[in-house]
Amino acid sequence: MMKAPVKKGDTVVVMTGKDKGKRGRIIEVMLKKAKVKVEKVNIVKRHMKPSAKYRQGGIIEKEAPLDWSNVMLVCSRCNRGVRIRHKINVDGKKVRVCVKCGEEISAK
């Protein structure tokens, strides 16, 4: 199993595909598939039968997974997609840091 470069709750920007340039918050990370679901990005329509979860059934719009290599973390200071580095802070905790400005990036 691979370690994810992003976490649930991170704000990301989509780098490729039909939703290129859109921003959203990660709602799910699928480690074994190396995919992420981003809020209001990569929306697909699914025909669902009535069930306990979808009482009425019908055509439902929901987020489809994206490969996590197609998204970049958004730095709050730079306000754009950036690469990250890992550093040890003063508390001895490993944190993610923006390569451009050095700002610490944390999941909200």
C-alpha atoms as a PDB file:
ATOM      1  CA  MET A   1       0.000   0.000   0.000  1.00  0.00           C
ATOM      2  CA  MET A   2       1.253   3.448  -0.956  1.00  0.00           C
ATOM      3  CA  LYS A   3       1.285   6.529   1.278  1.00  0.00           C
ATOM      4  CA  ALA A   4      -1.089   9.244   0.056  1.00  0.00           C
ATOM      5  CA  PRO A   5       0.395  12.668  -0.800  1.00  0.00           C
ATOM      6  CA  VAL A   6      -2.903  14.296   0.264  1.00  0.00           C
ATOM      7  CA  LYS A   7      -5.279  13.853   3.197  1.00  0.00           C
ATOM      8  CA  LYS A   8      -9.016  14.055   3.741  1.00  0.00           C
ATOM      9  CA  GLY A   9      -9.973  17.701   4.212  1.00  0.00           C
ATOM     10  CA  ASP A  10      -7.106  19.149   2.135  1.00  0.00           C
ATOM     11  CA  THR A  11      -7.938  21.824  -0.439  1.00  0.00           C
ATOM     12  CA  VAL A  12      -6.633  20.806  -3.852  1.00  0.00           C
ATOM     13  CA  VAL A  13      -6.651  22.064  -7.426  1.00  0.00           C
ATOM     14  CA  VAL A  14      -7.226  19.677 -10.366  1.00  0.00           C
ATOM     15  CA  MET A  15      -4.293  19.719 -12.813  1.00  0.00           C
ATOM     16  CA  THR A  16      -5.637  17.614 -15.716  1.00  0.00           C
ATOM     17  CA  GLY A  17      -8.861  16.412 -17.265  1.00  0.00           C
ATOM     18  CA  LYS A  18     -12.273  17.943 -17.884  1.00  0.00           C
ATOM     19  CA  ASP A  19     -12.254  19.785 -14.537  1.00  0.00           C
ATOM     20  CA  LYS A  20      -8.765  21.290 -14.898  1.00  0.00           C
ATOM     21  CA  GLY A  21      -8.339  24.367 -12.702  1.00  0.00           C
ATOM     22  CA  LYS A  22     -11.243  23.605 -10.359  1.00  0.00           C
ATOM     23  CA  ARG A  23     -10.652  23.651  -6.608  1.00  0.00           C
ATOM     24  CA  GLY A  24     -12.280  21.553  -3.958  1.00  0.00           C
ATOM     25  CA  ARG A  25     -11.894  19.798  -0.638  1.00  0.00           C
ATOM     26  CA  ILE A  26     -10.975  16.104  -0.534  1.00  0.00           C
ATOM     27  CA  ILE A  27     -13.870  14.054   0.829  1.00  0.00           C
ATOM     28  CA  GLU A  28     -12.347  10.588   0.495  1.00  0.00           C
ATOM     29  CA  VAL A  29      -8.907   9.020  -0.074  1.00  0.00           C
ATOM     30  CA  MET A  30      -8.729   5.486  -1.509  1.00  0.00           C
ATOM     31  CA  LEU A  31      -5.265   4.201  -0.600  1.00  0.00           C
ATOM     32  CA  LYS A  32      -5.335   0.857  -2.424  1.00  0.00           C
ATOM     33  CA  LYS A  33      -6.566   2.418  -5.676  1.00  0.00           C
ATOM     34  CA  ALA A  34      -4.440   5.616  -5.390  1.00  0.00           C
ATOM     35  CA  LYS A  35      -7.548   7.748  -5.957  1.00  0.00           C
ATOM     36  CA  VAL A  36      -9.280  10.680  -4.268  1.00  0.00           C
ATOM     37  CA  LYS A  37     -12.797  12.115  -4.376  1.00  0.00           C
ATOM     38  CA  VAL A  38     -12.927  15.896  -4.508  1.00  0.00           C
ATOM     39  CA  GLU A  39     -16.005  17.878  -3.496  1.00  0.00           C
ATOM     40  CA  LYS A  40     -18.009  19.158  -6.528  1.00  0.00           C
ATOM     41  CA  VAL A  41     -15.361  17.963  -9.029  1.00  0.00           C
ATOM     42  CA  ASN A  42     -15.625  15.172 -11.618  1.00  0.00           C
ATOM     43  CA  ILE A  43     -19.406  14.913 -11.253  1.00  0.00           C
ATOM     44  CA  VAL A  44     -20.995  11.907 -12.999  1.00  0.00           C
ATOM     45  CA  LYS A  45     -24.596  10.759 -13.319  1.00  0.00           C
ATOM     46  CA  ARG A  46     -25.566   7.304 -12.084  1.00  0.00           C
ATOM     47  CA  HIS A  47     -28.856   5.480 -12.552  1.00  0.00           C
ATOM     48  CA  MET A  48     -29.742   4.098  -9.122  1.00  0.00           C
ATOM     49  CA  LYS A  49     -32.427   1.633  -8.143  1.00  0.00           C
ATOM     50  CA  PRO A  50     -34.476   2.537  -5.085  1.00  0.00           C
ATOM     51  CA  SER A  51     -32.718   1.336  -1.936  1.00  0.00           C
ATOM     52  CA  ALA A  52     -32.388   2.231   1.736  1.00  0.00           C
ATOM     53  CA  LYS A  53     -29.809   4.909   0.876  1.00  0.00           C
ATOM     54  CA  TYR A  54     -31.614   6.251  -2.219  1.00  0.00           C
ATOM     55  CA  ARG A  55     -35.318   5.876  -1.412  1.00  0.00           C
ATOM     56  CA  GLN A  56     -36.658   7.283  -4.671  1.00  0.00           C
ATOM     57  CA  GLY A  57     -33.909   6.065  -6.988  1.00  0.00           C
ATOM     58  CA  GLY A  58     -33.512   7.690 -10.409  1.00  0.00           C
ATOM     59  CA  ILE A  59     -30.594   9.616 -11.855  1.00  0.00           C
ATOM     60  CA  ILE A  60     -28.183  10.774  -9.150  1.00  0.00           C
ATOM     61  CA  GLU A  61     -25.178  13.069  -9.575  1.00  0.00           C
ATOM     62  CA  LYS A  62     -22.135  12.239  -7.471  1.00  0.00           C
ATOM     63  CA  GLU A  63     -18.366  12.673  -7.400  1.00  0.00           C
ATOM     64  CA  ALA A  64     -16.251  10.110  -9.214  1.00  0.00           C
ATOM     65  CA  PRO A  65     -12.704   9.347  -8.043  1.00  0.00           C
ATOM     66  CA  LEU A  66      -9.661  11.052  -9.594  1.00  0.00           C
ATOM     67  CA  ASP A  67      -6.121   9.719  -9.571  1.00  0.00           C
ATOM     68  CA  TRP A  68      -4.245  11.547  -6.828  1.00  0.00           C
ATOM     69  CA  SER A  69      -1.424  12.343  -9.246  1.00  0.00           C
ATOM     70  CA  ASN A  70      -3.865  14.678 -11.034  1.00  0.00           C
ATOM     71  CA  VAL A  71      -4.387  16.991  -8.054  1.00  0.00           C
ATOM     72  CA  MET A  72      -2.072  19.393  -6.203  1.00  0.00           C
ATOM     73  CA  LEU A  73      -2.338  20.798  -2.707  1.00  0.00           C
ATOM     74  CA  VAL A  74      -3.235  24.492  -2.472  1.00  0.00           C
ATOM     75  CA  CYS A  75      -0.988  26.595  -0.235  1.00  0.00           C
ATOM     76  CA  SER A  76      -2.940  29.176   1.798  1.00  0.00           C
ATOM     77  CA  ARG A  77      -0.228  31.819   1.377  1.00  0.00           C
ATOM     78  CA  CYS A  78       0.669  31.206  -2.314  1.00  0.00           C
ATOM     79  CA  ASN A  79      -3.022  30.566  -3.180  1.00  0.00           C
ATOM     80  CA  ARG A  80      -2.117  28.060  -5.918  1.00  0.00           C
ATOM     81  CA  GLY A  81      -1.197  24.419  -6.380  1.00  0.00           C
ATOM     82  CA  VAL A  82       2.234  23.671  -4.928  1.00  0.00           C
ATOM     83  CA  ARG A  83       4.587  20.802  -4.268  1.00  0.00           C
ATOM     84  CA  ILE A  84       5.251  19.856  -0.690  1.00  0.00           C
ATOM     85  CA  ARG A  85       8.185  18.820   1.453  1.00  0.00           C
ATOM     86  CA  HIS A  86       8.213  17.142   4.827  1.00  0.00           C
ATOM     87  CA  LYS A  87      10.046  18.787   7.722  1.00  0.00           C
ATOM     88  CA  ILE A  88      10.295  18.221  11.445  1.00  0.00           C
ATOM     89  CA  ASN A  89       8.899  21.226  13.381  1.00  0.00           C
ATOM     90  CA  VAL A  90      10.026  22.471  16.804  1.00  0.00           C
ATOM     91  CA  ASP A  91       7.711  20.003  18.581  1.00  0.00           C
ATOM     92  CA  GLY A  92       9.433  17.107  16.809  1.00  0.00           C
ATOM     93  CA  LYS A  93       6.373  16.434  14.659  1.00  0.00           C
ATOM     94  CA  LYS A  94       6.613  15.719  10.924  1.00  0.00           C
ATOM     95  CA  VAL A  95       4.705  18.385   8.938  1.00  0.00           C
ATOM     96  CA  ARG A  96       4.038  19.208   5.288  1.00  0.00           C
ATOM     97  CA  VAL A  97       5.616  22.437   4.043  1.00  0.00           C
ATOM     98  CA  CYS A  98       5.105  24.433   0.812  1.00  0.00           C
ATOM     99  CA  VAL A  99       8.230  24.305  -1.386  1.00  0.00           C
ATOM    100  CA  LYS A 100       7.676  27.873  -2.695  1.00  0.00           C
ATOM    101  CA  CYS A 101       7.112  29.889   0.479  1.00  0.00           C
ATOM    102  CA  GLY A 102       7.868  27.529   3.395  1.00  0.00           C
ATOM    103  CA  GLU A 103       4.328  27.816   4.834  1.00  0.00           C
ATOM    104  CA  GLU A 104       3.172  24.820   6.898  1.00  0.00           C
ATOM    105  CA  ILE A 105       0.224  23.038   5.242  1.00  0.00           C
ATOM    106  CA  SER A 106      -2.335  21.306   7.426  1.00  0.00           C
ATOM    107  CA  ALA A 107      -5.623  19.558   6.662  1.00  0.00           C
ATOM    108  CA  LYS A 108      -8.655  21.526   7.793  1.00  0.00           C
END
